Amino acid sequence: MKIGRLDKRVSHLARGVAVDAWNHSVVSYTNRGTYWAEVQYKRGTEKQEGRQTVGVDQVHFVLRYNGSITNEDRLLYDGEYYDVHSVEVMGRNEAIRITTTKRDNAEA
C-alpha cells in the first residue's frame, strides 16, 4: 500500500438496530469515523428491479487497517452511500480493501 494514494475522505457508517414505540425494528446508521482512502472504480451495470432500471457501480476502497468495519455497514463518499459487501485484509494488518456497491436509487 502506498500512503500517498490515500487521498480521499470516506466516512464509516455503522449499522444499528433499535426498537420503536410500536415494537418494530428500526435500522439506523451511526458515523463511526472519517478516514483517508484510495478509491478504485471497478465496473458498473444496469438491471431491472420492479419495472425500474437501476444502475449499480462496484467500487473498492483501500484504507489503513481498521477492524471495526463489517459487511453490514455503509461508507459515505462524495455525498453518496456505498453498501459494504466484503472486507479483505491486505498484508499483515497493513490495510483493508472494502468491496462496495453504489445504487443510483439508494435511500439514506
Protein backbone atom coordinates (compact mmCIF):
# COMPACT_ATOMS: atom_id res chain seq x y z
CA MET A 1 0.00 0.00 0.00
CA LYS A 2 1.29 3.43 -0.92
CA ILE A 3 0.22 6.02 1.63
CA GLY A 4 0.22 8.81 -0.98
CA ARG A 5 -2.72 7.19 -2.76
CA LEU A 6 -4.95 7.58 0.30
CA ASP A 7 -6.20 10.97 -0.86
CA LYS A 8 -9.99 10.81 -0.46
CA ARG A 9 -12.08 11.21 2.71
CA VAL A 10 -14.52 8.39 3.49
CA SER A 11 -16.93 8.14 6.43
CA HIS A 12 -17.72 4.81 8.11
CA LEU A 13 -21.41 4.42 8.95
CA ALA A 14 -22.04 1.51 11.34
CA ARG A 15 -25.40 -0.25 11.20
CA GLY A 16 -27.53 -0.30 14.33
CA VAL A 17 -30.97 -1.71 15.07
CA ALA A 18 -33.34 -0.19 17.62
CA VAL A 19 -36.94 -0.90 18.62
CA ASP A 20 -39.52 1.88 18.28
CA ALA A 21 -42.61 2.56 20.39
CA TRP A 22 -44.66 0.03 18.38
CA ASN A 23 -42.05 -2.71 18.90
CA HIS A 24 -40.80 -2.58 15.29
CA SER A 25 -37.13 -2.87 14.39
CA VAL A 26 -35.67 0.35 13.02
CA VAL A 27 -32.34 0.32 11.18
CA SER A 28 -30.13 3.37 11.53
CA TYR A 29 -26.52 4.21 10.68
CA THR A 30 -24.10 6.00 13.00
CA ASN A 31 -20.95 7.78 11.86
CA ARG A 32 -18.02 5.96 13.46
CA GLY A 33 -15.21 7.96 11.89
CA THR A 34 -13.76 9.55 8.78
CA TYR A 35 -10.66 8.04 7.15
CA TRP A 36 -8.28 8.65 4.28
CA ALA A 37 -8.82 6.15 1.46
CA GLU A 38 -7.90 5.23 -2.09
CA VAL A 39 -10.95 4.90 -4.35
CA GLN A 40 -10.87 2.32 -7.17
CA TYR A 41 -13.82 2.28 -9.59
CA LYS A 42 -14.26 -1.25 -10.94
CA ARG A 43 -17.38 -1.76 -13.02
CA GLY A 44 -20.93 -0.64 -13.48
CA THR A 45 -24.06 -2.47 -14.59
CA GLU A 46 -27.75 -1.85 -15.03
CA LYS A 47 -30.55 -4.21 -14.11
CA GLN A 48 -34.31 -4.25 -13.79
CA GLU A 49 -35.83 -4.05 -10.31
CA GLY A 50 -39.59 -3.69 -10.08
CA ARG A 51 -40.12 -2.13 -13.51
CA GLN A 52 -37.26 0.27 -12.92
CA THR A 53 -33.77 0.30 -14.43
CA VAL A 54 -31.22 0.57 -11.63
CA GLY A 55 -27.55 1.39 -12.11
CA VAL A 56 -25.14 -0.50 -9.83
CA ASP A 57 -21.48 0.58 -9.56
CA GLN A 58 -18.84 -1.57 -7.87
CA VAL A 59 -16.19 0.45 -6.06
CA HIS A 60 -13.22 -0.65 -3.94
CA PHE A 61 -11.93 1.48 -1.08
CA VAL A 62 -8.45 0.88 0.34
CA LEU A 63 -7.89 2.16 3.90
CA ARG A 64 -5.34 1.63 6.62
CA TYR A 65 -6.26 -1.38 8.73
CA ASN A 66 -9.48 -0.94 10.70
CA GLY A 67 -11.07 -3.97 12.35
CA SER A 68 -14.40 -2.27 13.09
CA ILE A 69 -15.82 -2.20 9.52
CA THR A 70 -18.17 -5.10 8.74
CA ASN A 71 -20.35 -6.33 5.87
CA GLU A 72 -23.43 -4.72 7.45
CA ASP A 73 -22.02 -1.19 7.35
CA ARG A 74 -22.00 1.59 4.77
CA LEU A 75 -19.46 4.09 3.57
CA LEU A 76 -20.24 7.69 2.69
CA TYR A 77 -18.06 9.15 -0.05
CA ASP A 78 -18.63 12.33 -2.03
CA GLY A 79 -22.25 12.57 -0.81
CA GLU A 80 -23.12 9.01 -1.95
CA TYR A 81 -23.81 5.88 0.13
CA TYR A 82 -21.95 2.65 -0.62
CA ASP A 83 -23.08 -0.73 0.79
CA VAL A 84 -20.18 -2.87 2.08
CA HIS A 85 -20.06 -6.40 0.64
CA SER A 86 -16.66 -7.64 1.76
CA VAL A 87 -13.67 -6.53 3.79
CA GLU A 88 -10.31 -8.04 2.78
CA VAL A 89 -7.22 -7.68 4.96
CA MET A 90 -4.10 -6.80 2.95
CA GLY A 91 -0.62 -7.70 4.13
CA ARG A 92 -0.13 -8.21 7.84
CA ASN A 93 -2.96 -5.99 9.03
CA GLU A 94 -1.43 -3.17 7.00
CA ALA A 95 -4.57 -2.18 5.08
CA ILE A 96 -8.07 -3.32 4.13
CA ARG A 97 -9.78 -3.41 0.75
CA ILE A 98 -13.52 -2.86 1.03
CA THR A 99 -15.71 -4.02 -1.85
CA THR A 100 -18.86 -1.90 -2.10
CA THR A 101 -21.75 -1.15 -4.43
CA LYS A 102 -23.50 2.14 -5.05
CA ARG A 103 -27.01 2.13 -6.40
CA ASP A 104 -28.39 5.16 -8.18
CA ASN A 105 -31.69 4.87 -6.30
CA ALA A 106 -30.32 4.21 -2.79
CA GLU A 107 -32.08 5.74 0.19
CA ALA A 108 -30.30 7.38 3.10
